[in-house]
Protein backbone atom coordinates (compact mmCIF):
# COMPACT_ATOMS: atom_id res chain seq x y z
CA MET A 1 27.80 -5.97 6.74
CA VAL A 2 24.81 -4.12 5.80
CA GLY A 3 21.77 -6.02 4.88
CA VAL A 4 18.68 -5.37 2.57
CA ILE A 5 15.29 -6.93 2.95
CA GLY A 6 13.37 -6.44 -0.20
CA VAL A 7 15.08 -6.00 -3.63
CA GLY A 8 12.45 -4.37 -5.87
CA ARG A 9 12.39 -1.43 -7.74
CA ILE A 10 14.06 0.51 -4.88
CA GLY A 11 15.85 -2.15 -2.93
CA ALA A 12 17.67 -3.21 -5.98
CA PRO A 13 19.45 0.21 -6.68
CA LEU A 14 19.73 0.74 -2.82
CA ALA A 15 21.88 -2.67 -2.83
CA ALA A 16 23.89 -1.29 -5.77
CA ARG A 17 24.29 2.30 -4.26
CA LEU A 18 25.55 0.70 -0.98
CA VAL A 19 27.90 -1.88 -2.73
CA ALA A 20 29.32 1.03 -4.80
CA ALA A 21 30.08 2.97 -1.42
CA GLY A 22 32.30 0.17 -0.37
CA HIS A 23 29.98 -1.99 1.91
CA GLU A 24 29.45 -5.52 2.01
CA VAL A 25 25.85 -6.15 1.23
CA VAL A 26 23.57 -9.39 2.11
CA ALA A 27 20.21 -8.87 0.44
CA THR A 28 16.93 -11.12 0.24
CA ASP A 29 13.48 -11.28 -1.07
CA ILE A 30 10.65 -13.35 -0.63
CA ARG A 31 10.33 -13.36 -4.62
CA PRO A 32 12.98 -15.89 -6.08
CA GLU A 33 13.59 -13.58 -8.91
CA GLY A 34 14.99 -11.07 -6.48
CA ARG A 35 18.11 -12.98 -6.18
CA GLU A 36 19.24 -12.08 -9.93
CA ALA A 37 18.64 -8.45 -8.94
CA ALA A 38 20.73 -8.51 -5.91
CA GLU A 39 23.45 -10.64 -7.47
CA ALA A 40 23.64 -7.86 -10.21
CA ALA A 41 23.70 -5.00 -7.98
CA GLY A 42 26.93 -6.90 -6.22
CA ALA A 43 25.08 -8.25 -3.18
CA ARG A 44 25.45 -11.48 -1.65
CA TRP A 45 22.27 -13.33 -1.66
CA ALA A 46 20.81 -14.64 1.58
CA PRO A 47 18.24 -17.27 2.22
CA ASP A 48 15.58 -15.36 4.12
CA ALA A 49 15.00 -12.22 6.23
CA ALA A 50 15.91 -13.80 9.34
CA TYR A 51 19.80 -14.72 8.09
CA VAL A 52 20.14 -11.10 7.03
CA ALA A 53 18.67 -9.70 10.47
CA ALA A 54 21.30 -12.00 12.37
CA ALA A 55 24.18 -11.42 10.37
CA CYS A 56 24.15 -7.81 9.66
CA GLY A 57 24.84 -4.57 11.94
CA VAL A 58 22.49 -2.52 10.12
CA VAL A 59 19.44 -3.72 8.34
CA PHE A 60 17.46 -1.74 5.73
CA THR A 61 13.89 -2.96 4.76
CA VAL A 62 12.14 -1.82 1.78
CA LEU A 63 8.76 -3.32 1.42
CA PRO A 64 5.58 -2.75 -0.69
CA GLY A 65 3.64 -1.05 2.27
CA SER A 66 1.99 -1.31 5.62
CA PRO A 67 0.63 -4.75 5.48
CA GLU A 68 3.84 -6.33 4.38
CA LEU A 69 5.89 -4.55 7.04
CA GLY A 70 3.62 -5.28 9.57
CA GLU A 71 3.88 -9.01 8.63
CA LEU A 72 7.46 -9.27 8.83
CA VAL A 73 7.99 -7.20 11.86
CA LEU A 74 5.01 -7.86 13.98
CA GLY A 75 3.55 -10.84 12.62
CA GLN A 76 5.02 -14.33 11.63
CA GLY A 77 8.21 -12.80 10.17
CA HIS A 78 9.43 -11.91 13.84
CA LEU A 79 12.49 -9.64 12.32
CA LEU A 80 13.56 -8.31 15.41
CA ALA A 81 13.70 -11.43 17.25
CA HIS A 82 16.79 -12.29 14.98
CA MET A 83 18.65 -8.95 15.60
CA GLY A 84 21.44 -8.35 17.82
CA GLY A 85 20.89 -5.97 20.52
CA ASP A 86 23.34 -3.48 19.07
CA ALA A 87 21.94 -3.48 15.87
CA VAL A 88 20.32 -0.79 13.76
CA TRP A 89 17.19 -1.21 11.79
CA ILE A 90 16.24 1.32 9.03
CA ASP A 91 13.00 1.17 7.28
CA LEU A 92 12.40 2.75 4.03
CA THR A 93 9.03 1.48 3.42
CA SER A 94 6.03 4.21 2.86
CA ALA A 95 4.02 3.07 5.72
CA SER A 96 1.44 4.48 8.63
CA ALA A 97 2.56 6.77 11.56
CA GLU A 98 0.45 4.15 13.90
CA LEU A 99 2.52 1.23 12.55
CA GLY A 100 5.63 3.33 13.13
CA ARG A 101 4.87 3.54 16.71
CA GLN A 102 4.06 -0.05 17.23
CA CYS A 103 7.34 -0.89 15.48
CA ALA A 104 8.99 1.34 17.74
CA ASP A 105 7.90 -0.36 20.79
CA ALA A 106 8.63 -3.81 19.57
CA ALA A 107 12.26 -2.67 18.75
CA ARG A 108 12.63 -0.83 22.17
CA VAL A 109 11.75 -4.42 23.81
CA ARG A 110 14.20 -6.05 21.89
CA GLY A 111 17.19 -3.37 22.27
CA VAL A 112 17.06 -2.56 18.51
CA ASP A 113 17.70 1.10 17.55
CA TYR A 114 15.03 1.71 14.83
CA LEU A 115 14.30 4.63 12.34
CA ASP A 116 11.55 5.06 9.85
CA ALA A 117 13.17 6.82 6.90
CA PRO A 118 10.64 6.83 3.95
CA ILE A 119 12.22 8.24 0.48
CA GLY A 120 11.14 10.74 -1.86
CA GLY A 121 12.58 10.71 -5.29
CA GLY A 122 11.40 7.31 -6.37
CA VAL A 123 13.48 4.81 -8.40
CA PRO A 124 15.23 7.52 -10.59
CA GLY A 125 16.38 8.96 -7.38
CA MET A 126 17.70 5.91 -5.75
CA ARG A 127 19.68 4.95 -9.01
CA GLU A 128 21.37 8.40 -8.95
CA GLY A 129 21.92 8.41 -5.22
CA GLU A 130 19.80 11.61 -4.93
CA VAL A 131 16.71 10.48 -2.70
CA THR A 132 15.34 12.55 0.09
CA LEU A 133 14.74 10.88 3.57
CA TYR A 134 12.03 11.73 5.91
CA VAL A 135 13.38 10.30 9.15
CA GLY A 136 11.50 9.33 12.46
CA GLY A 137 13.48 8.45 15.70
CA GLU A 138 16.03 9.02 17.94
CA ARG A 139 18.70 11.81 16.56
CA ARG A 140 21.46 9.76 18.39
CA VAL A 141 20.97 6.98 15.94
CA LEU A 142 20.57 9.04 12.84
CA ASP A 143 23.65 10.90 13.78
CA ALA A 144 25.48 7.20 13.75
CA VAL A 145 24.15 6.09 10.58
CA GLU A 146 24.12 9.47 8.50
CA GLU A 147 27.14 8.83 6.53
CA LEU A 148 25.86 5.44 5.36
CA LEU A 149 22.38 7.00 4.46
CA ARG A 150 24.53 9.63 2.39
CA SER A 151 25.77 7.04 0.24
CA PHE A 152 22.32 6.91 -1.42
CA ALA A 153 20.45 10.09 0.03
CA SER A 154 21.34 13.71 -0.98
CA SER A 155 18.72 15.37 1.67
CA VAL A 156 18.18 13.87 5.30
CA HIS A 157 15.29 15.42 7.24
CA HIS A 158 14.86 14.48 10.61
CA VAL A 159 11.24 15.33 11.48
CA GLY A 160 10.69 13.66 14.89
CA GLY A 161 10.33 10.58 16.81
CA ASN A 162 9.36 7.08 15.43
CA GLY A 163 6.39 7.44 13.05
CA ALA A 164 6.94 11.41 12.02
CA GLY A 165 8.95 10.14 9.01
CA TYR A 166 6.21 8.05 7.74
CA LEU A 167 3.60 10.62 8.44
CA ALA A 168 5.57 13.37 6.83
CA LYS A 169 6.15 11.41 3.62
CA LEU A 170 2.46 10.25 3.16
CA LEU A 171 1.25 13.76 3.73
CA ILE A 172 3.86 14.81 1.03
CA ASN A 173 2.25 12.12 -1.21
CA LEU A 174 -1.18 13.45 -0.19
CA LEU A 175 -0.27 17.21 -1.40
CA TRP A 176 1.24 15.61 -4.57
CA PHE A 177 -1.97 13.56 -5.45
CA GLY A 178 -4.15 16.54 -4.56
CA GLN A 179 -2.12 18.70 -6.74
CA ALA A 180 -2.34 16.30 -9.69
CA ALA A 181 -5.74 15.43 -9.40
CA LEU A 182 -6.67 19.51 -9.47
CA THR A 183 -4.28 20.33 -12.01
CA THR A 184 -5.87 17.49 -14.39
CA GLU A 185 -9.36 19.07 -13.72
CA ALA A 186 -8.48 22.64 -14.31
CA LEU A 187 -6.73 21.65 -17.75
CA LEU A 188 -9.43 19.32 -18.81
CA MET A 189 -11.92 22.51 -18.07
CA ALA A 190 -9.23 24.67 -19.97
CA GLN A 191 -9.18 22.12 -23.06
CA ARG A 192 -12.96 22.11 -23.26
CA HIS A 193 -12.92 25.70 -23.53
CA GLY A 194 -10.59 25.91 -26.28
CA VAL A 195 -7.32 26.63 -24.21
CA SER A 196 -4.69 23.88 -25.10
CA PRO A 197 -2.98 21.97 -22.10
CA ASP A 198 0.45 23.67 -23.71
CA GLN A 199 -1.03 27.02 -23.25
CA MET A 200 -2.10 26.30 -19.68
CA ARG A 201 1.16 24.78 -18.82
CA THR A 202 3.07 27.88 -19.96
CA VAL A 203 0.64 30.41 -18.12
CA LEU A 204 0.77 28.31 -14.93
CA HIS A 205 4.76 28.37 -14.84
CA GLY A 206 5.62 30.82 -12.32
CA SER A 207 1.88 31.72 -11.48
CA ALA A 208 0.12 31.37 -8.19
CA GLY A 209 -1.00 27.86 -9.55
CA ASP A 210 2.51 26.70 -10.21
CA GLY A 211 4.24 23.94 -8.03
CA ALA A 212 6.36 20.87 -8.26
CA PHE A 213 3.78 18.81 -9.98
CA VAL A 214 3.22 21.30 -12.88
CA ALA A 215 7.11 21.89 -13.19
CA ARG A 216 8.08 18.38 -12.54
CA HIS A 217 5.44 15.78 -13.52
CA LEU A 218 3.04 17.37 -15.51
CA PRO A 219 4.94 16.95 -18.83
CA ALA A 220 4.94 13.11 -18.15
CA LEU A 221 0.97 13.19 -18.07
CA LEU A 222 1.19 15.50 -21.48
CA ALA A 223 3.19 12.63 -22.84
CA GLY A 224 0.50 10.09 -21.79
CA ASP A 225 2.75 8.61 -19.04
CA TYR A 226 1.09 7.68 -15.62
CA LEU A 227 4.29 7.37 -13.72
CA ARG A 228 4.01 3.49 -13.52
CA ASP A 229 6.95 3.01 -11.01
CA PHE A 230 4.19 2.53 -8.15
CA GLY A 231 0.90 0.78 -7.97
CA LEU A 232 -2.43 2.50 -7.77
CA ASP A 233 -3.39 0.08 -5.14
CA ARG A 234 -0.65 1.16 -3.06
CA CYS A 235 -1.53 5.03 -3.78
CA VAL A 236 -4.89 3.91 -2.14
CA GLU A 237 -3.70 2.22 0.71
CA GLU A 238 -1.40 5.36 1.58
CA LEU A 239 -4.66 7.68 1.15
CA ASP A 240 -6.69 5.27 3.39
CA SER A 241 -4.08 5.54 5.84
CA ILE A 242 -4.06 9.32 5.91
CA GLU A 243 -7.74 9.28 6.20
CA ARG A 244 -7.46 7.19 9.33
CA THR A 245 -4.84 9.20 11.08
CA ALA A 246 -6.85 12.14 10.41
CA ASP A 247 -9.77 10.42 12.04
CA ARG A 248 -7.82 9.62 14.93
CA ALA A 249 -6.30 13.18 15.25
CA GLY A 250 -10.07 14.73 15.11
CA THR A 251 -8.73 17.00 12.23
CA PRO A 252 -10.88 18.02 9.24
CA HIS A 253 -10.05 16.49 6.12
CA PRO A 254 -13.03 17.03 3.56
CA LEU A 255 -10.25 17.40 0.56
CA THR A 256 -8.23 14.53 1.90
CA SER A 257 -11.34 12.36 1.66
CA ALA A 258 -12.24 13.77 -1.89
CA VAL A 259 -8.71 12.91 -3.12
CA ALA A 260 -8.88 9.50 -1.78
CA GLU A 261 -12.45 8.78 -2.99
CA LEU A 262 -11.08 9.86 -6.65
CA HIS A 263 -8.35 7.37 -6.14
CA ARG A 264 -10.73 4.48 -5.00
CA GLY A 265 -12.85 5.36 -7.95
CA ALA A 266 -10.00 4.69 -10.36
CA LEU A 267 -8.87 1.49 -8.46
CA ARG A 268 -12.49 0.20 -9.08
CA HIS A 269 -12.32 1.05 -12.63
CA TYR A 270 -8.83 0.15 -13.47
CA GLY A 271 -8.02 -2.44 -11.07
CA PRO A 272 -4.44 -2.69 -9.34
CA VAL A 273 -2.54 -1.32 -12.25
CA ASP A 274 0.85 0.53 -12.16
CA GLY A 275 0.66 4.35 -11.95
CA GLU A 276 0.88 7.16 -9.82
CA LEU A 277 -1.15 9.06 -12.17
CA MET A 278 -4.14 6.74 -12.59
CA GLY A 279 -6.39 9.46 -10.46
CA PRO A 280 -5.79 11.93 -13.25
CA ALA A 281 -6.36 9.32 -15.72
CA TRP A 282 -9.74 8.36 -14.20
CA LEU A 283 -10.77 12.06 -14.70
CA GLU A 284 -9.63 11.83 -18.21
CA GLU A 285 -11.73 9.11 -18.74
CA GLN A 286 -14.88 10.59 -17.02
CA ALA A 287 -14.47 13.77 -19.25
CA GLY A 288 -14.22 11.63 -22.15
CA SER A 289 -10.79 13.59 -23.16
CA ARG A 290 -7.24 13.04 -22.73
CA LEU A 291 -4.69 15.91 -22.02
CA ARG A 292 -1.84 15.33 -24.51
CA GLY A 293 0.95 18.06 -25.34
CA GLU A 294 1.63 19.09 -28.94
CA GLN A 295 5.16 20.34 -28.19
CA GLU A 296 8.10 19.98 -25.95
CA PRO A 297 7.42 21.78 -22.76
CA PRO A 298 9.47 25.14 -22.17
CA ALA A 299 12.88 24.54 -20.57
CA GLU A 300 12.88 25.13 -16.82
CA SER A 301 14.62 28.21 -15.78
């Protein structure tokens, strides 16, 4: 059996993908409404995480962030204490590299194989079975479960030891947050000088200023969609974690800090609302102007 702990925005479609691939899935969540989502996905409901850990040979955890993961595994949840010595634990949470190493130490003591494998692609990618996984842990463990991972992931990258998967995902997110913020600043400046967001998007396409944000996500911003599948407070949590990691490593990070402070300002202003693009929304608010497109963006080549 395969277990899923956390049946939220990502966990529910994960369970559905696993069921569709022919696996018997047992799922649970601390929220009572998780039961309906789990059963709708075709999974069997379990009373708690301890039950899932004891019953399943492979356990996926899909939690909101580092605090919840730490509490479940290293705190009062004692997840690893309920797992058998031949079990595999795969965490899909976007957590900190430091927590990953702590989890690895705890798993090693219990004889549990552990992979940190945060996802890229979000809810739509999980629904379609096309997420990307950034995996930290031993190669032999990944080799043993890769076929299972392919039931919901189209790309699987082994990036190093435990914690490296978390770090890679957070750094990718940092670059995306930074690109979103700087693109918004540039378009607000252009708009103030009479160049429309649509015109700027057209000239950015294929230029040195192009990138994944411009090609794939700028249309959402221009449509007034702030990508509300992820909470602003969780964006700030990730950026705080990256700053701490940079401090520990002794690497310069003035731009990281600027991106983090922008999002902290947005959090202070809006509160813990949903929206990965609330940093750009805060820039718009300060500019007194919104970026809105007037026409459909050009088709991607």
